[in-house]
Amino acid sequence: MLNGTNALYTKAGTLKGAKLVASTTTLKKLAKSKNSEDNFVAYRVATTNKGAVYYKVVSLDKQYRGWIYGGKSTKSFAGGVKSYTTFKNSSVSASDANKNFTFKKTGTTNNGTMLTYKAPMYTAYGAGRVIKSSAAYKNDVLTITKQGTRTREGD
């Protein structure tokens, strides 16, 4: 997660030719967002010759991608980056453990209600869908095997 104390650039902000991707104002808004698509994942790290650490990050909706200052050490996040849990696992409730379910509405809409996913939407980068259409599974019986809560939405 980005905290909005540093801006996002096309390359490390201290390098010549770095262009602004998202300002600190924009990143502060994203940090306060209640939408999981505004979560970020860091997937690359670089250290400048002056010892500054920069992380290459991307938002889970892929709208923002760039480099952000991350402190003076790769051992812990600092600067504009902080660690964040996007999903909290919980045990399946006793009332749901023995129930059978079916899709309430079937189709191809990628909205979190008609398809199945490898992980809850926007909680893991690139997790994606397991099926692209639930129409063929309209009458199939589904069982809950895991459950949890998305941190930002609380759903």
N, C-alpha and C. Protein backbone atom coordinates (compact mmCIF):
# COMPACT_ATOMS: atom_id res chain seq x y z
N MET A 1 0.85 -1.17 0.00
CA MET A 1 0.00 0.00 0.00
C MET A 1 0.89 1.23 0.00
N LEU A 2 0.45 2.25 -0.69
CA LEU A 2 1.17 3.51 -0.69
C LEU A 2 0.49 4.45 0.30
N ASN A 3 1.28 5.26 1.00
CA ASN A 3 0.70 6.10 2.05
C ASN A 3 0.56 7.56 1.66
N GLY A 4 1.07 7.96 0.51
CA GLY A 4 0.90 9.32 0.04
C GLY A 4 1.96 10.31 0.50
N THR A 5 3.01 9.83 1.14
CA THR A 5 4.07 10.76 1.55
C THR A 5 5.08 11.00 0.44
N ASN A 6 5.09 10.16 -0.57
CA ASN A 6 5.96 10.33 -1.73
C ASN A 6 5.15 10.09 -3.00
N ALA A 7 5.57 10.71 -4.09
CA ALA A 7 4.87 10.59 -5.36
C ALA A 7 5.36 9.36 -6.13
N LEU A 8 4.63 9.02 -7.16
CA LEU A 8 4.94 7.89 -8.03
C LEU A 8 5.50 8.43 -9.35
N TYR A 9 6.64 7.87 -9.78
CA TYR A 9 7.33 8.36 -10.98
C TYR A 9 7.56 7.23 -11.98
N THR A 10 7.88 7.61 -13.23
CA THR A 10 8.16 6.63 -14.27
C THR A 10 9.46 5.88 -14.01
N LYS A 11 10.37 6.50 -13.27
CA LYS A 11 11.60 5.86 -12.81
C LYS A 11 11.95 6.51 -11.48
N ALA A 12 12.99 6.05 -10.81
CA ALA A 12 13.34 6.61 -9.51
C ALA A 12 13.31 8.13 -9.59
N GLY A 13 12.61 8.76 -8.66
CA GLY A 13 12.36 10.19 -8.70
C GLY A 13 13.59 11.07 -8.76
N THR A 14 14.74 10.58 -8.31
CA THR A 14 15.96 11.39 -8.33
C THR A 14 16.72 11.28 -9.65
N LEU A 15 16.30 10.37 -10.52
CA LEU A 15 16.98 10.18 -11.80
C LEU A 15 16.52 11.19 -12.84
N LYS A 16 17.44 11.57 -13.69
CA LYS A 16 17.14 12.52 -14.75
C LYS A 16 16.07 11.92 -15.67
N GLY A 17 15.08 12.73 -16.01
CA GLY A 17 14.03 12.28 -16.93
C GLY A 17 12.85 11.61 -16.25
N ALA A 18 12.86 11.50 -14.93
CA ALA A 18 11.73 10.89 -14.22
C ALA A 18 10.50 11.78 -14.38
N LYS A 19 9.37 11.18 -14.75
CA LYS A 19 8.14 11.93 -14.94
C LYS A 19 7.12 11.49 -13.88
N LEU A 20 6.32 12.42 -13.44
CA LEU A 20 5.31 12.17 -12.43
C LEU A 20 4.18 11.30 -13.00
N VAL A 21 3.88 10.21 -12.31
CA VAL A 21 2.77 9.33 -12.68
C VAL A 21 1.56 9.68 -11.81
N ALA A 22 1.79 9.82 -10.50
CA ALA A 22 0.72 10.18 -9.56
C ALA A 22 1.32 11.02 -8.43
N SER A 23 0.66 12.12 -8.13
CA SER A 23 1.15 13.04 -7.09
C SER A 23 0.87 12.48 -5.70
N THR A 24 1.45 13.12 -4.71
CA THR A 24 1.20 12.71 -3.32
C THR A 24 -0.27 12.89 -2.97
N THR A 25 -0.92 13.91 -3.52
CA THR A 25 -2.35 14.14 -3.28
C THR A 25 -3.17 12.97 -3.79
N THR A 26 -2.87 12.51 -5.00
CA THR A 26 -3.57 11.37 -5.59
C THR A 26 -3.32 10.11 -4.76
N LEU A 27 -2.08 9.89 -4.35
CA LEU A 27 -1.75 8.69 -3.58
C LEU A 27 -2.37 8.71 -2.18
N LYS A 28 -2.53 9.89 -1.60
CA LYS A 28 -3.22 10.00 -0.30
C LYS A 28 -4.68 9.59 -0.45
N LYS A 29 -5.32 10.02 -1.55
CA LYS A 29 -6.71 9.63 -1.81
C LYS A 29 -6.82 8.12 -1.98
N LEU A 30 -5.89 7.53 -2.73
CA LEU A 30 -5.90 6.08 -2.94
C LEU A 30 -5.65 5.33 -1.63
N ALA A 31 -4.81 5.87 -0.77
CA ALA A 31 -4.52 5.23 0.52
C ALA A 31 -5.75 5.20 1.41
N LYS A 32 -6.62 6.20 1.30
CA LYS A 32 -7.84 6.28 2.11
C LYS A 32 -9.03 5.58 1.46
N SER A 33 -8.85 5.12 0.25
CA SER A 33 -9.94 4.52 -0.53
C SER A 33 -10.54 3.30 0.17
N LYS A 34 -11.81 3.07 -0.09
CA LYS A 34 -12.52 1.88 0.42
C LYS A 34 -12.69 0.85 -0.68
N ASN A 35 -11.91 0.97 -1.77
CA ASN A 35 -11.98 0.04 -2.90
C ASN A 35 -10.69 -0.75 -3.02
N SER A 36 -10.80 -2.06 -3.06
CA SER A 36 -9.62 -2.92 -3.14
C SER A 36 -8.84 -2.76 -4.43
N GLU A 37 -9.46 -2.28 -5.50
CA GLU A 37 -8.70 -2.08 -6.74
C GLU A 37 -7.65 -0.98 -6.59
N ASP A 38 -7.73 -0.22 -5.50
CA ASP A 38 -6.73 0.82 -5.22
C ASP A 38 -5.56 0.30 -4.39
N ASN A 39 -5.51 -1.01 -4.14
CA ASN A 39 -4.36 -1.62 -3.48
C ASN A 39 -3.19 -1.66 -4.47
N PHE A 40 -1.98 -1.64 -3.95
CA PHE A 40 -0.77 -1.70 -4.77
C PHE A 40 0.05 -2.91 -4.37
N VAL A 41 0.82 -3.42 -5.32
CA VAL A 41 1.77 -4.49 -5.05
C VAL A 41 3.14 -4.04 -5.55
N ALA A 42 4.16 -4.26 -4.72
CA ALA A 42 5.54 -3.96 -5.11
C ALA A 42 6.12 -5.24 -5.71
N TYR A 43 6.72 -5.13 -6.90
CA TYR A 43 7.24 -6.33 -7.55
C TYR A 43 8.69 -6.22 -7.99
N ARG A 44 9.32 -5.09 -7.70
CA ARG A 44 10.72 -4.93 -8.05
C ARG A 44 11.32 -3.90 -7.11
N VAL A 45 12.60 -4.01 -6.84
CA VAL A 45 13.28 -3.06 -5.95
C VAL A 45 14.61 -2.66 -6.57
N ALA A 46 14.98 -1.40 -6.36
CA ALA A 46 16.26 -0.91 -6.85
C ALA A 46 16.84 0.05 -5.82
N THR A 47 18.15 0.07 -5.73
CA THR A 47 18.84 0.98 -4.81
C THR A 47 19.73 1.90 -5.63
N THR A 48 19.61 3.21 -5.40
CA THR A 48 20.44 4.17 -6.13
C THR A 48 21.86 4.16 -5.57
N ASN A 49 22.77 4.81 -6.28
CA ASN A 49 24.16 4.86 -5.82
C ASN A 49 24.31 5.67 -4.53
N LYS A 50 23.28 6.41 -4.15
CA LYS A 50 23.29 7.16 -2.89
C LYS A 50 22.60 6.41 -1.76
N GLY A 51 22.17 5.19 -2.03
CA GLY A 51 21.56 4.34 -1.00
C GLY A 51 20.06 4.46 -0.85
N ALA A 52 19.40 5.22 -1.70
CA ALA A 52 17.94 5.34 -1.63
C ALA A 52 17.30 4.12 -2.29
N VAL A 53 16.29 3.58 -1.63
CA VAL A 53 15.58 2.40 -2.13
C VAL A 53 14.30 2.84 -2.84
N TYR A 54 14.07 2.30 -4.02
CA TYR A 54 12.85 2.57 -4.77
C TYR A 54 12.18 1.24 -5.11
N TYR A 55 10.84 1.24 -5.04
CA TYR A 55 10.06 0.05 -5.38
C TYR A 55 9.24 0.32 -6.62
N LYS A 56 9.21 -0.65 -7.50
CA LYS A 56 8.33 -0.58 -8.67
C LYS A 56 7.01 -1.17 -8.20
N VAL A 57 5.93 -0.41 -8.36
CA VAL A 57 4.62 -0.82 -7.86
C VAL A 57 3.58 -0.71 -8.96
N VAL A 58 2.49 -1.43 -8.78
CA VAL A 58 1.35 -1.35 -9.70
C VAL A 58 0.08 -1.47 -8.86
N SER A 59 -0.94 -0.70 -9.24
CA SER A 59 -2.23 -0.83 -8.56
C SER A 59 -2.91 -2.10 -9.08
N LEU A 60 -3.74 -2.70 -8.25
CA LEU A 60 -4.37 -3.96 -8.65
C LEU A 60 -5.35 -3.79 -9.79
N ASP A 61 -5.82 -2.58 -10.04
CA ASP A 61 -6.65 -2.34 -11.22
C ASP A 61 -5.80 -1.96 -12.43
N LYS A 62 -4.47 -1.93 -12.25
CA LYS A 62 -3.47 -1.66 -13.28
C LYS A 62 -3.54 -0.23 -13.84
N GLN A 63 -4.20 0.68 -13.14
CA GLN A 63 -4.30 2.06 -13.59
C GLN A 63 -3.01 2.84 -13.34
N TYR A 64 -2.31 2.51 -12.25
CA TYR A 64 -1.08 3.21 -11.89
C TYR A 64 0.08 2.22 -11.84
N ARG A 65 1.20 2.60 -12.44
CA ARG A 65 2.42 1.78 -12.40
C ARG A 65 3.61 2.73 -12.40
N GLY A 66 4.56 2.49 -11.49
CA GLY A 66 5.74 3.34 -11.47
C GLY A 66 6.63 3.05 -10.28
N TRP A 67 7.59 3.95 -10.05
CA TRP A 67 8.57 3.81 -9.00
C TRP A 67 8.28 4.79 -7.87
N ILE A 68 8.43 4.32 -6.63
CA ILE A 68 8.19 5.17 -5.47
C ILE A 68 9.31 4.98 -4.45
N TYR A 69 9.66 6.06 -3.79
CA TYR A 69 10.71 6.02 -2.78
C TYR A 69 10.27 5.12 -1.63
N GLY A 70 11.18 4.24 -1.20
CA GLY A 70 10.86 3.27 -0.16
C GLY A 70 11.81 3.28 1.02
N GLY A 71 12.57 4.33 1.22
CA GLY A 71 13.44 4.43 2.39
C GLY A 71 14.90 4.18 2.06
N LYS A 72 15.65 3.79 3.09
CA LYS A 72 17.10 3.59 2.96
C LYS A 72 17.51 2.12 3.09
N SER A 73 16.53 1.23 3.30
CA SER A 73 16.85 -0.19 3.49
C SER A 73 15.79 -1.05 2.83
N THR A 74 16.21 -2.18 2.29
CA THR A 74 15.26 -3.12 1.70
C THR A 74 14.70 -4.08 2.76
N LYS A 75 15.15 -3.97 4.00
CA LYS A 75 14.69 -4.88 5.07
C LYS A 75 13.30 -4.54 5.57
N SER A 76 12.87 -3.29 5.39
CA SER A 76 11.52 -2.90 5.79
C SER A 76 11.06 -1.74 4.91
N PHE A 77 9.75 -1.66 4.72
CA PHE A 77 9.19 -0.58 3.92
C PHE A 77 9.26 0.74 4.68
N ALA A 78 9.50 1.81 3.99
CA ALA A 78 9.52 3.17 4.55
C ALA A 78 9.17 4.13 3.44
N GLY A 79 9.34 5.41 3.66
CA GLY A 79 9.04 6.39 2.63
C GLY A 79 7.57 6.36 2.26
N GLY A 80 7.26 6.18 1.00
CA GLY A 80 5.89 6.19 0.53
C GLY A 80 5.22 4.83 0.51
N VAL A 81 5.89 3.80 1.04
CA VAL A 81 5.37 2.44 0.97
C VAL A 81 5.18 1.87 2.37
N LYS A 82 4.08 1.15 2.57
CA LYS A 82 3.91 0.43 3.83
C LYS A 82 3.23 -0.91 3.55
N SER A 83 3.48 -1.85 4.43
CA SER A 83 2.90 -3.18 4.30
C SER A 83 1.41 -3.11 4.63
N TYR A 84 0.62 -3.96 3.97
CA TYR A 84 -0.83 -3.90 4.12
C TYR A 84 -1.42 -5.27 3.83
N THR A 85 -2.35 -5.71 4.66
CA THR A 85 -3.06 -6.97 4.45
C THR A 85 -4.35 -6.68 3.68
N THR A 86 -4.50 -7.28 2.51
CA THR A 86 -5.66 -7.01 1.67
C THR A 86 -6.84 -7.92 2.00
N PHE A 87 -6.57 -9.06 2.64
CA PHE A 87 -7.62 -10.04 2.92
C PHE A 87 -7.30 -10.77 4.21
N LYS A 88 -8.29 -10.91 5.07
CA LYS A 88 -8.11 -11.61 6.34
C LYS A 88 -8.95 -12.87 6.32
N ASN A 89 -8.28 -14.03 6.39
CA ASN A 89 -8.98 -15.31 6.42
C ASN A 89 -9.70 -15.49 7.74
N SER A 90 -10.83 -16.18 7.69
CA SER A 90 -11.55 -16.56 8.90
C SER A 90 -12.12 -17.95 8.66
N SER A 91 -12.49 -18.62 9.73
CA SER A 91 -13.02 -19.97 9.58
C SER A 91 -14.45 -19.89 9.05
N VAL A 92 -14.84 -20.92 8.33
CA VAL A 92 -16.19 -20.99 7.78
C VAL A 92 -17.16 -21.09 8.95
N SER A 93 -18.18 -20.24 8.93
CA SER A 93 -19.15 -20.24 10.03
C SER A 93 -19.90 -21.56 10.08
N ALA A 94 -20.30 -21.96 11.26
CA ALA A 94 -21.01 -23.22 11.44
C ALA A 94 -22.29 -23.26 10.62
N SER A 95 -22.96 -22.14 10.49
CA SER A 95 -24.21 -22.10 9.73
C SER A 95 -23.98 -22.31 8.23
N ASP A 96 -22.82 -21.92 7.72
CA ASP A 96 -22.52 -22.08 6.30
C ASP A 96 -21.78 -23.38 5.99
N ALA A 97 -21.19 -24.02 7.01
CA ALA A 97 -20.35 -25.20 6.79
C ALA A 97 -21.09 -26.36 6.15
N ASN A 98 -22.34 -26.54 6.48
CA ASN A 98 -23.08 -27.70 5.97
C ASN A 98 -24.15 -27.32 4.95
N LYS A 99 -24.14 -26.09 4.48
CA LYS A 99 -25.12 -25.64 3.50
C LYS A 99 -24.62 -25.87 2.08
N ASN A 100 -25.56 -26.00 1.18
CA ASN A 100 -25.25 -26.06 -0.24
C ASN A 100 -25.74 -24.77 -0.88
N PHE A 101 -25.00 -24.29 -1.87
CA PHE A 101 -25.34 -23.05 -2.54
C PHE A 101 -25.33 -23.26 -4.04
N THR A 102 -26.01 -22.35 -4.74
CA THR A 102 -25.93 -22.27 -6.19
C THR A 102 -25.68 -20.81 -6.54
N PHE A 103 -25.27 -20.55 -7.76
CA PHE A 103 -25.11 -19.17 -8.20
C PHE A 103 -26.48 -18.51 -8.19
N LYS A 104 -26.59 -17.35 -7.57
CA LYS A 104 -27.85 -16.61 -7.53
C LYS A 104 -28.22 -16.12 -8.93
N LYS A 105 -27.20 -15.65 -9.65
CA LYS A 105 -27.37 -15.16 -11.01
C LYS A 105 -26.14 -15.62 -11.79
N THR A 106 -26.33 -16.14 -12.98
CA THR A 106 -25.20 -16.62 -13.77
C THR A 106 -24.93 -15.70 -14.95
N GLY A 107 -23.73 -15.79 -15.47
CA GLY A 107 -23.35 -14.98 -16.62
C GLY A 107 -21.85 -14.82 -16.71
N THR A 108 -21.43 -13.76 -17.38
CA THR A 108 -20.00 -13.52 -17.61
C THR A 108 -19.51 -12.22 -16.99
N THR A 109 -20.36 -11.55 -16.25
CA THR A 109 -20.00 -10.26 -15.66
C THR A 109 -18.91 -10.44 -14.60
N ASN A 110 -17.83 -9.70 -14.75
CA ASN A 110 -16.68 -9.80 -13.84
C ASN A 110 -16.86 -8.82 -12.68
N ASN A 111 -17.86 -9.08 -11.83
CA ASN A 111 -18.17 -8.15 -10.74
C ASN A 111 -18.06 -8.78 -9.35
N GLY A 112 -17.55 -10.00 -9.28
CA GLY A 112 -17.38 -10.66 -7.99
C GLY A 112 -18.58 -11.48 -7.55
N THR A 113 -19.66 -11.53 -8.35
CA THR A 113 -20.85 -12.28 -7.95
C THR A 113 -21.22 -13.41 -8.91
N MET A 114 -20.77 -13.34 -10.16
CA MET A 114 -21.17 -14.34 -11.15
C MET A 114 -20.08 -15.35 -11.49
N LEU A 115 -18.87 -15.11 -11.05
CA LEU A 115 -17.75 -15.97 -11.43
C LEU A 115 -17.02 -16.43 -10.18
N THR A 116 -16.13 -17.39 -10.35
CA THR A 116 -15.28 -17.81 -9.23
C THR A 116 -13.86 -17.34 -9.52
N TYR A 117 -13.13 -17.07 -8.45
CA TYR A 117 -11.81 -16.46 -8.55
C TYR A 117 -10.77 -17.27 -7.76
N LYS A 118 -9.52 -17.16 -8.16
CA LYS A 118 -8.42 -17.82 -7.44
C LYS A 118 -8.21 -17.18 -6.07
N ALA A 119 -8.53 -15.89 -5.96
CA ALA A 119 -8.48 -15.13 -4.71
C ALA A 119 -9.57 -14.07 -4.82
N PRO A 120 -10.06 -13.54 -3.71
CA PRO A 120 -11.07 -12.49 -3.81
C PRO A 120 -10.58 -11.33 -4.69
N MET A 121 -11.50 -10.73 -5.43
CA MET A 121 -11.15 -9.67 -6.38
C MET A 121 -10.30 -8.59 -5.75
N TYR A 122 -9.23 -8.24 -6.44
CA TYR A 122 -8.32 -7.15 -6.08
C TYR A 122 -7.62 -7.34 -4.72
N THR A 123 -7.40 -8.58 -4.32
CA THR A 123 -6.64 -8.82 -3.10
C THR A 123 -5.27 -9.43 -3.41
N ALA A 124 -5.09 -9.93 -4.61
CA ALA A 124 -3.81 -10.50 -5.03
C ALA A 124 -3.61 -10.18 -6.51
N TYR A 125 -2.43 -9.69 -6.85
CA TYR A 125 -2.16 -9.30 -8.23
C TYR A 125 -2.15 -10.51 -9.15
N GLY A 126 -2.91 -10.42 -10.23
CA GLY A 126 -2.92 -11.46 -11.24
C GLY A 126 -3.63 -12.75 -10.86
N ALA A 127 -4.38 -12.75 -9.76
CA ALA A 127 -5.06 -13.98 -9.33
C ALA A 127 -6.08 -14.43 -10.34
N GLY A 128 -6.88 -13.53 -10.85
CA GLY A 128 -7.80 -13.82 -11.95
C GLY A 128 -8.95 -14.74 -11.63
N ARG A 129 -9.70 -15.01 -12.68
CA ARG A 129 -10.89 -15.84 -12.59
C ARG A 129 -10.56 -17.30 -12.79
N VAL A 130 -11.37 -18.16 -12.18
CA VAL A 130 -11.25 -19.60 -12.41
C VAL A 130 -12.12 -19.98 -13.60
N ILE A 131 -13.31 -19.38 -13.67
CA ILE A 131 -14.21 -19.61 -14.81
C ILE A 131 -14.55 -18.26 -15.43
N LYS A 132 -14.84 -18.25 -16.72
CA LYS A 132 -15.18 -17.00 -17.41
C LYS A 132 -16.68 -16.86 -17.64
N SER A 133 -17.42 -17.92 -17.40
CA SER A 133 -18.88 -17.87 -17.48
C SER A 133 -19.45 -18.88 -16.51
N SER A 134 -20.43 -18.47 -15.73
CA SER A 134 -21.05 -19.38 -14.77
C SER A 134 -22.30 -20.04 -15.34
N ALA A 135 -22.66 -19.72 -16.58
CA ALA A 135 -23.88 -20.24 -17.19
C ALA A 135 -23.93 -21.78 -17.17
N ALA A 136 -22.82 -22.42 -17.47
CA ALA A 136 -22.79 -23.89 -17.50
C ALA A 136 -22.91 -24.50 -16.10
N TYR A 137 -22.75 -23.68 -15.07
CA TYR A 137 -22.77 -24.17 -13.68
C TYR A 137 -24.01 -23.71 -12.94
N LYS A 138 -25.03 -23.28 -13.67
CA LYS A 138 -26.24 -22.68 -13.09
C LYS A 138 -26.85 -23.54 -11.99
N ASN A 139 -26.93 -24.84 -12.19
CA ASN A 139 -27.59 -25.72 -11.23
C ASN A 139 -26.61 -26.53 -10.38
N ASP A 140 -25.33 -26.30 -10.53
CA ASP A 140 -24.34 -27.03 -9.74
C ASP A 140 -24.38 -26.61 -8.27
N VAL A 141 -24.16 -27.58 -7.41
CA VAL A 141 -24.15 -27.32 -5.98
C VAL A 141 -22.75 -26.87 -5.57
N LEU A 142 -22.68 -25.76 -4.85
CA LEU A 142 -21.41 -25.20 -4.40
C LEU A 142 -21.32 -25.32 -2.88
N THR A 143 -20.10 -25.53 -2.40
CA THR A 143 -19.85 -25.62 -0.96
C THR A 143 -18.78 -24.61 -0.60
N ILE A 144 -18.96 -23.93 0.50
CA ILE A 144 -17.97 -22.97 0.97
C ILE A 144 -16.84 -23.72 1.65
N THR A 145 -15.60 -23.50 1.17
CA THR A 145 -14.43 -24.16 1.76
C THR A 145 -13.55 -23.18 2.51
N LYS A 146 -13.60 -21.90 2.14
CA LYS A 146 -12.82 -20.86 2.81
C LYS A 146 -13.63 -19.58 2.80
N GLN A 147 -13.38 -18.76 3.80
CA GLN A 147 -14.02 -17.44 3.78
C GLN A 147 -13.13 -16.45 4.51
N GLY A 148 -13.42 -15.19 4.29
CA GLY A 148 -12.65 -14.13 4.91
C GLY A 148 -13.25 -12.79 4.56
N THR A 149 -12.51 -11.74 4.86
CA THR A 149 -12.99 -10.38 4.66
C THR A 149 -11.96 -9.55 3.90
N ARG A 150 -12.44 -8.87 2.85
CA ARG A 150 -11.56 -7.92 2.17
C ARG A 150 -11.40 -6.72 3.10
N THR A 151 -10.16 -6.31 3.30
CA THR A 151 -9.85 -5.29 4.29
C THR A 151 -10.48 -3.93 3.99
N ARG A 152 -10.38 -3.46 2.78
CA ARG A 152 -10.89 -2.12 2.48
C ARG A 152 -12.41 -2.03 2.52
N GLU A 153 -13.10 -2.96 1.89
CA GLU A 153 -14.55 -2.91 1.82
C GLU A 153 -15.20 -3.45 3.08
N GLY A 154 -14.54 -4.39 3.73
CA GLY A 154 -15.13 -5.04 4.89
C GLY A 154 -16.18 -6.06 4.49
N ASP A 155 -16.18 -6.50 3.22
CA ASP A 155 -17.15 -7.50 2.76
C ASP A 155 -16.55 -8.89 2.72
